[in-house]
Amino acid sequence: MQDNSFKHVKMSFEDYHELTTKLTAALRDEIMAKLNISYAAYYKKLKKGNWTTSERDLLERIYKSHIGSLVSNLVA
């Protein structure tokens, strides 16, 4: 019998960001717009990892919506 179970890999936002070079600008722009933060503030938060809980929730929703594009870009 085949095992159809999947292993789930947990990625931090920083891991996801590194893997999505083709999507980085669009992802960054969407996050900046939804959080109403500047370019400098975005990169400061990214570098320090000091996202609030509500920001992290939003980040998770945004990058989950980009998973299909990520997989397509990694496979291509």
PDB file of N, CA and C in Angstrom:
ATOM      1  N   MET A   1       0.847  -1.175   0.000  1.00  0.00           N
ATOM      2  CA  MET A   1       0.000   0.000   0.000  1.00  0.00           C
ATOM      3  C   MET A   1       0.894   1.240   0.000  1.00  0.00           C
ATOM      4  N   GLN A   2       0.508   2.193  -0.819  1.00  0.00           N
ATOM      5  CA  GLN A   2       1.283   3.428  -0.912  1.00  0.00           C
ATOM      6  C   GLN A   2       0.968   4.358   0.253  1.00  0.00           C
ATOM      7  N   ASP A   3       2.009   4.993   0.748  1.00  0.00           N
ATOM      8  CA  ASP A   3       1.824   5.988   1.802  1.00  0.00           C
ATOM      9  C   ASP A   3       1.621   7.340   1.143  1.00  0.00           C
ATOM     10  N   ASN A   4       0.420   7.879   1.237  1.00  0.00           N
ATOM     11  CA  ASN A   4       0.097   9.160   0.602  1.00  0.00           C
ATOM     12  C   ASN A   4       0.231  10.326   1.566  1.00  0.00           C
ATOM     13  N   SER A   5       0.916  10.125   2.667  1.00  0.00           N
ATOM     14  CA  SER A   5       1.072  11.217   3.615  1.00  0.00           C
ATOM     15  C   SER A   5       2.159  12.178   3.126  1.00  0.00           C
ATOM     16  N   PHE A   6       2.015  13.407   3.523  1.00  0.00           N
ATOM     17  CA  PHE A   6       2.977  14.438   3.150  1.00  0.00           C
ATOM     18  C   PHE A   6       3.684  14.933   4.392  1.00  0.00           C
ATOM     19  N   LYS A   7       4.943  15.222   4.257  1.00  0.00           N
ATOM     20  CA  LYS A   7       5.673  15.849   5.348  1.00  0.00           C
ATOM     21  C   LYS A   7       5.513  17.349   5.203  1.00  0.00           C
ATOM     22  N   HIS A   8       5.167  17.991   6.271  1.00  0.00           N
ATOM     23  CA  HIS A   8       5.000  19.438   6.259  1.00  0.00           C
ATOM     24  C   HIS A   8       6.292  20.092   6.724  1.00  0.00           C
ATOM     25  N   VAL A   9       6.758  21.019   5.933  1.00  0.00           N
ATOM     26  CA  VAL A   9       7.962  21.758   6.272  1.00  0.00           C
ATOM     27  C   VAL A   9       7.527  23.154   6.696  1.00  0.00           C
ATOM     28  N   LYS A  10       7.922  23.534   7.883  1.00  0.00           N
ATOM     29  CA  LYS A  10       7.583  24.871   8.351  1.00  0.00           C
ATOM     30  C   LYS A  10       8.682  25.824   7.909  1.00  0.00           C
ATOM     31  N   MET A  11       8.260  26.897   7.295  1.00  0.00           N
ATOM     32  CA  MET A  11       9.195  27.907   6.824  1.00  0.00           C
ATOM     33  C   MET A  11       8.904  29.208   7.548  1.00  0.00           C
ATOM     34  N   SER A  12       9.940  29.896   7.891  1.00  0.00           N
ATOM     35  CA  SER A  12       9.744  31.231   8.431  1.00  0.00           C
ATOM     36  C   SER A  12       9.538  32.169   7.253  1.00  0.00           C
ATOM     37  N   PHE A  13       9.065  33.346   7.534  1.00  0.00           N
ATOM     38  CA  PHE A  13       8.896  34.309   6.460  1.00  0.00           C
ATOM     39  C   PHE A  13      10.237  34.586   5.784  1.00  0.00           C
ATOM     40  N   GLU A  14      11.298  34.632   6.559  1.00  0.00           N
ATOM     41  CA  GLU A  14      12.615  34.909   6.007  1.00  0.00           C
ATOM     42  C   GLU A  14      13.051  33.801   5.040  1.00  0.00           C
ATOM     43  N   ASP A  15      12.767  32.534   5.388  1.00  0.00           N
ATOM     44  CA  ASP A  15      13.080  31.420   4.492  1.00  0.00           C
ATOM     45  C   ASP A  15      12.318  31.555   3.185  1.00  0.00           C
ATOM     46  N   TYR A  16      11.035  31.833   3.316  1.00  0.00           N
ATOM     47  CA  TYR A  16      10.184  31.988   2.135  1.00  0.00           C
ATOM     48  C   TYR A  16      10.707  33.121   1.258  1.00  0.00           C
ATOM     49  N   HIS A  17      11.075  34.215   1.891  1.00  0.00           N
ATOM     50  CA  HIS A  17      11.552  35.387   1.161  1.00  0.00           C
ATOM     51  C   HIS A  17      12.786  35.048   0.337  1.00  0.00           C
ATOM     52  N   GLU A  18      13.712  34.285   0.913  1.00  0.00           N
ATOM     53  CA  GLU A  18      14.928  33.910   0.202  1.00  0.00           C
ATOM     54  C   GLU A  18      14.648  33.014  -1.008  1.00  0.00           C
ATOM     55  N   LEU A  19      13.640  32.173  -0.906  1.00  0.00           N
ATOM     56  CA  LEU A  19      13.339  31.233  -1.981  1.00  0.00           C
ATOM     57  C   LEU A  19      12.568  31.849  -3.139  1.00  0.00           C
ATOM     58  N   THR A  20      12.080  33.039  -2.967  1.00  0.00           N
ATOM     59  CA  THR A  20      11.177  33.598  -3.966  1.00  0.00           C
ATOM     60  C   THR A  20      11.764  34.792  -4.701  1.00  0.00           C
ATOM     61  N   THR A  21      12.931  34.634  -5.237  1.00  0.00           N
ATOM     62  CA  THR A  21      13.583  35.759  -5.895  1.00  0.00           C
ATOM     63  C   THR A  21      12.739  36.341  -7.022  1.00  0.00           C
ATOM     64  N   LYS A  22      11.985  35.491  -7.712  1.00  0.00           N
ATOM     65  CA  LYS A  22      11.146  35.999  -8.796  1.00  0.00           C
ATOM     66  C   LYS A  22       9.918  36.728  -8.282  1.00  0.00           C
ATOM     67  N   LEU A  23       9.515  36.432  -7.059  1.00  0.00           N
ATOM     68  CA  LEU A  23       8.299  37.031  -6.504  1.00  0.00           C
ATOM     69  C   LEU A  23       8.583  38.127  -5.484  1.00  0.00           C
ATOM     70  N   THR A  24       9.835  38.344  -5.158  1.00  0.00           N
ATOM     71  CA  THR A  24      10.187  39.246  -4.066  1.00  0.00           C
ATOM     72  C   THR A  24       9.582  40.638  -4.201  1.00  0.00           C
ATOM     73  N   ALA A  25       9.726  41.252  -5.342  1.00  0.00           N
ATOM     74  CA  ALA A  25       9.219  42.618  -5.508  1.00  0.00           C
ATOM     75  C   ALA A  25       7.703  42.679  -5.354  1.00  0.00           C
ATOM     76  N   ALA A  26       6.993  41.748  -5.986  1.00  0.00           N
ATOM     77  CA  ALA A  26       5.529  41.745  -5.883  1.00  0.00           C
ATOM     78  C   ALA A  26       5.089  41.446  -4.461  1.00  0.00           C
ATOM     79  N   LEU A  27       5.757  40.514  -3.825  1.00  0.00           N
ATOM     80  CA  LEU A  27       5.436  40.157  -2.446  1.00  0.00           C
ATOM     81  C   LEU A  27       5.711  41.336  -1.521  1.00  0.00           C
ATOM     82  N   ARG A  28       6.876  41.951  -1.675  1.00  0.00           N
ATOM     83  CA  ARG A  28       7.232  43.110  -0.858  1.00  0.00           C
ATOM     84  C   ARG A  28       6.222  44.228  -1.035  1.00  0.00           C
ATOM     85  N   ASP A  29       5.880  44.533  -2.271  1.00  0.00           N
ATOM     86  CA  ASP A  29       4.946  45.622  -2.536  1.00  0.00           C
ATOM     87  C   ASP A  29       3.571  45.349  -1.931  1.00  0.00           C
ATOM     88  N   GLU A  30       3.117  44.101  -2.021  1.00  0.00           N
ATOM     89  CA  GLU A  30       1.824  43.747  -1.434  1.00  0.00           C
ATOM     90  C   GLU A  30       1.854  43.883   0.087  1.00  0.00           C
ATOM     91  N   ILE A  31       2.928  43.418   0.697  1.00  0.00           N
ATOM     92  CA  ILE A  31       3.062  43.525   2.156  1.00  0.00           C
ATOM     93  C   ILE A  31       3.120  44.985   2.581  1.00  0.00           C
ATOM     94  N   MET A  32       3.929  45.775   1.884  1.00  0.00           N
ATOM     95  CA  MET A  32       4.038  47.194   2.228  1.00  0.00           C
ATOM     96  C   MET A  32       2.677  47.887   2.126  1.00  0.00           C
ATOM     97  N   ALA A  33       1.936  47.572   1.082  1.00  0.00           N
ATOM     98  CA  ALA A  33       0.624  48.201   0.888  1.00  0.00           C
ATOM     99  C   ALA A  33      -0.355  47.779   1.979  1.00  0.00           C
ATOM    100  N   LYS A  34      -0.390  46.478   2.288  1.00  0.00           N
ATOM    101  CA  LYS A  34      -1.353  45.996   3.283  1.00  0.00           C
ATOM    102  C   LYS A  34      -1.001  46.432   4.692  1.00  0.00           C
ATOM    103  N   LEU A  35       0.289  46.584   4.985  1.00  0.00           N
ATOM    104  CA  LEU A  35       0.703  47.037   6.308  1.00  0.00           C
ATOM    105  C   LEU A  35       0.860  48.557   6.379  1.00  0.00           C
ATOM    106  N   ASN A  36       0.765  49.194   5.214  1.00  0.00           N
ATOM    107  CA  ASN A  36       0.929  50.644   5.128  1.00  0.00           C
ATOM    108  C   ASN A  36       2.271  51.071   5.735  1.00  0.00           C
ATOM    109  N   ILE A  37       3.341  50.409   5.276  1.00  0.00           N
ATOM    110  CA  ILE A  37       4.681  50.744   5.750  1.00  0.00           C
ATOM    111  C   ILE A  37       5.555  51.116   4.562  1.00  0.00           C
ATOM    112  N   SER A  38       6.630  51.817   4.857  1.00  0.00           N
ATOM    113  CA  SER A  38       7.556  52.268   3.811  1.00  0.00           C
ATOM    114  C   SER A  38       8.511  51.138   3.418  1.00  0.00           C
ATOM    115  N   TYR A  39       9.215  51.387   2.323  1.00  0.00           N
ATOM    116  CA  TYR A  39      10.246  50.481   1.834  1.00  0.00           C
ATOM    117  C   TYR A  39      11.296  50.249   2.929  1.00  0.00           C
ATOM    118  N   ALA A  40      11.751  51.332   3.537  1.00  0.00           N
ATOM    119  CA  ALA A  40      12.772  51.231   4.589  1.00  0.00           C
ATOM    120  C   ALA A  40      12.250  50.455   5.793  1.00  0.00           C
ATOM    121  N   ALA A  41      11.011  50.702   6.183  1.00  0.00           N
ATOM    122  CA  ALA A  41      10.423  50.008   7.327  1.00  0.00           C
ATOM    123  C   ALA A  41      10.287  48.514   7.043  1.00  0.00           C
ATOM    124  N   TYR A  42       9.911  48.178   5.812  1.00  0.00           N
ATOM    125  CA  TYR A  42       9.784  46.773   5.425  1.00  0.00           C
ATOM    126  C   TYR A  42      11.118  46.051   5.602  1.00  0.00           C
ATOM    127  N   TYR A  43      12.182  46.620   5.049  1.00  0.00           N
ATOM    128  CA  TYR A  43      13.483  45.954   5.127  1.00  0.00           C
ATOM    129  C   TYR A  43      14.048  45.957   6.543  1.00  0.00           C
ATOM    130  N   LYS A  44      13.724  46.949   7.317  1.00  0.00           N
ATOM    131  CA  LYS A  44      14.149  46.967   8.720  1.00  0.00           C
ATOM    132  C   LYS A  44      13.472  45.819   9.474  1.00  0.00           C
ATOM    133  N   LYS A  45      12.163  45.662   9.262  1.00  0.00           N
ATOM    134  CA  LYS A  45      11.438  44.574   9.915  1.00  0.00           C
ATOM    135  C   LYS A  45      11.936  43.216   9.421  1.00  0.00           C
ATOM    136  N   LEU A  46      12.196  43.104   8.143  1.00  0.00           N
ATOM    137  CA  LEU A  46      12.688  41.855   7.580  1.00  0.00           C
ATOM    138  C   LEU A  46      14.043  41.486   8.183  1.00  0.00           C
ATOM    139  N   LYS A  47      14.915  42.458   8.282  1.00  0.00           N
ATOM    140  CA  LYS A  47      16.251  42.212   8.826  1.00  0.00           C
ATOM    141  C   LYS A  47      16.216  41.832  10.302  1.00  0.00           C
ATOM    142  N   LYS A  48      15.427  42.578  11.077  1.00  0.00           N
ATOM    143  CA  LYS A  48      15.372  42.346  12.521  1.00  0.00           C
ATOM    144  C   LYS A  48      14.378  41.267  12.916  1.00  0.00           C
ATOM    145  N   GLY A  49      13.425  40.962  12.032  1.00  0.00           N
ATOM    146  CA  GLY A  49      12.419  39.958  12.348  1.00  0.00           C
ATOM    147  C   GLY A  49      11.462  40.404  13.437  1.00  0.00           C
ATOM    148  N   ASN A  50      11.274  41.706  13.555  1.00  0.00           N
ATOM    149  CA  ASN A  50      10.437  42.217  14.638  1.00  0.00           C
ATOM    150  C   ASN A  50       9.010  42.530  14.188  1.00  0.00           C
ATOM    151  N   TRP A  51       8.367  41.540  13.581  1.00  0.00           N
ATOM    152  CA  TRP A  51       6.980  41.665  13.155  1.00  0.00           C
ATOM    153  C   TRP A  51       6.083  41.465  14.366  1.00  0.00           C
ATOM    154  N   THR A  52       5.003  42.219  14.440  1.00  0.00           N
ATOM    155  CA  THR A  52       4.026  42.008  15.506  1.00  0.00           C
ATOM    156  C   THR A  52       3.238  40.740  15.194  1.00  0.00           C
ATOM    157  N   THR A  53       2.483  40.279  16.152  1.00  0.00           N
ATOM    158  CA  THR A  53       1.671  39.086  15.946  1.00  0.00           C
ATOM    159  C   THR A  53       0.675  39.289  14.809  1.00  0.00           C
ATOM    160  N   SER A  54       0.017  40.427  14.774  1.00  0.00           N
ATOM    161  CA  SER A  54      -0.958  40.677  13.706  1.00  0.00           C
ATOM    162  C   SER A  54      -0.263  40.807  12.349  1.00  0.00           C
ATOM    163  N   GLU A  55       0.949  41.378  12.322  1.00  0.00           N
ATOM    164  CA  GLU A  55       1.705  41.459  11.073  1.00  0.00           C
ATOM    165  C   GLU A  55       2.103  40.064  10.602  1.00  0.00           C
ATOM    166  N   ARG A  56       2.532  39.216  11.531  1.00  0.00           N
ATOM    167  CA  ARG A  56       2.905  37.841  11.166  1.00  0.00           C
ATOM    168  C   ARG A  56       1.705  37.071  10.623  1.00  0.00           C
ATOM    169  N   ASP A  57       0.539  37.286  11.205  1.00  0.00           N
ATOM    170  CA  ASP A  57      -0.677  36.644  10.691  1.00  0.00           C
ATOM    171  C   ASP A  57      -0.944  37.085   9.256  1.00  0.00           C
ATOM    172  N   LEU A  58      -0.809  38.372   9.009  1.00  0.00           N
ATOM    173  CA  LEU A  58      -1.014  38.896   7.656  1.00  0.00           C
ATOM    174  C   LEU A  58       0.043  38.351   6.698  1.00  0.00           C
ATOM    175  N   LEU A  59       1.295  38.307   7.132  1.00  0.00           N
ATOM    176  CA  LEU A  59       2.366  37.751   6.298  1.00  0.00           C
ATOM    177  C   LEU A  59       2.043  36.309   5.918  1.00  0.00           C
ATOM    178  N   GLU A  60       1.571  35.542   6.876  1.00  0.00           N
ATOM    179  CA  GLU A  60       1.241  34.142   6.604  1.00  0.00           C
ATOM    180  C   GLU A  60       0.129  34.038   5.559  1.00  0.00           C
ATOM    181  N   ARG A  61      -0.895  34.858   5.691  1.00  0.00           N
ATOM    182  CA  ARG A  61      -1.984  34.834   4.709  1.00  0.00           C
ATOM    183  C   ARG A  61      -1.480  35.248   3.326  1.00  0.00           C
ATOM    184  N   ILE A  62      -0.624  36.265   3.277  1.00  0.00           N
ATOM    185  CA  ILE A  62      -0.111  36.730   1.986  1.00  0.00           C
ATOM    186  C   ILE A  62       0.749  35.667   1.331  1.00  0.00           C
ATOM    187  N   TYR A  63       1.701  35.110   2.073  1.00  0.00           N
ATOM    188  CA  TYR A  63       2.574  34.158   1.378  1.00  0.00           C
ATOM    189  C   TYR A  63       1.907  32.832   1.104  1.00  0.00           C
ATOM    190  N   LYS A  64       0.889  32.463   1.856  1.00  0.00           N
ATOM    191  CA  LYS A  64       0.120  31.267   1.501  1.00  0.00           C
ATOM    192  C   LYS A  64      -0.593  31.476   0.171  1.00  0.00           C
ATOM    193  N   SER A  65      -1.011  32.710  -0.084  1.00  0.00           N
ATOM    194  CA  SER A  65      -1.683  32.993  -1.356  1.00  0.00           C
ATOM    195  C   SER A  65      -0.703  32.946  -2.528  1.00  0.00           C
ATOM    196  N   HIS A  66       0.576  33.019  -2.251  1.00  0.00           N
ATOM    197  CA  HIS A  66       1.608  32.990  -3.293  1.00  0.00           C
ATOM    198  C   HIS A  66       2.236  31.614  -3.487  1.00  0.00           C
ATOM    199  N   ILE A  67       1.815  30.612  -2.723  1.00  0.00           N
ATOM    200  CA  ILE A  67       2.437  29.288  -2.782  1.00  0.00           C
ATOM    201  C   ILE A  67       2.370  28.695  -4.189  1.00  0.00           C
ATOM    202  N   GLY A  68       1.235  28.829  -4.868  1.00  0.00           N
ATOM    203  CA  GLY A  68       1.113  28.287  -6.225  1.00  0.00           C
ATOM    204  C   GLY A  68       2.156  28.861  -7.155  1.00  0.00           C
ATOM    205  N   SER A  69       2.369  30.166  -7.074  1.00  0.00           N
ATOM    206  CA  SER A  69       3.383  30.812  -7.906  1.00  0.00           C
ATOM    207  C   SER A  69       4.778  30.359  -7.510  1.00  0.00           C
ATOM    208  N   LEU A  70       5.008  30.203  -6.228  1.00  0.00           N
ATOM    209  CA  LEU A  70       6.310  29.756  -5.749  1.00  0.00           C
ATOM    210  C   LEU A  70       6.637  28.381  -6.305  1.00  0.00           C
ATOM    211  N   VAL A  71       5.695  27.450  -6.206  1.00  0.00           N
ATOM    212  CA  VAL A  71       5.929  26.102  -6.688  1.00  0.00           C
ATOM    213  C   VAL A  71       6.191  26.121  -8.197  1.00  0.00           C
ATOM    214  N   SER A  72       5.409  26.891  -8.941  1.00  0.00           N
ATOM    215  CA  SER A  72       5.612  26.977 -10.383  1.00  0.00           C
ATOM    216  C   SER A  72       6.996  27.495 -10.722  1.00  0.00           C
ATOM    217  N   ASN A  73       7.454  28.509  -9.984  1.00  0.00           N
ATOM    218  CA  ASN A  73       8.768  29.087 -10.246  1.00  0.00           C
ATOM    219  C   ASN A  73       9.898  28.151  -9.847  1.00  0.00           C
ATOM    220  N   LEU A  74       9.716  27.380  -8.781  1.00  0.00           N
ATOM    221  CA  LEU A  74      10.758  26.456  -8.359  1.00  0.00           C
ATOM    222  C   LEU A  74      10.862  25.262  -9.292  1.00  0.00           C
ATOM    223  N   VAL A  75       9.734  24.850  -9.861  1.00  0.00           N
ATOM    224  CA  VAL A  75       9.725  23.705 -10.758  1.00  0.00           C
ATOM    225  C   VAL A  75      10.213  24.095 -12.149  1.00  0.00           C
ATOM    226  N   ALA A  76       9.920  25.314 -12.556  1.00  0.00           N
ATOM    227  CA  ALA A  76      10.284  25.771 -13.918  1.00  0.00           C
ATOM    228  C   ALA A  76      11.772  25.866 -14.110  1.00  0.00           C
TER     229      ALA A  76
END
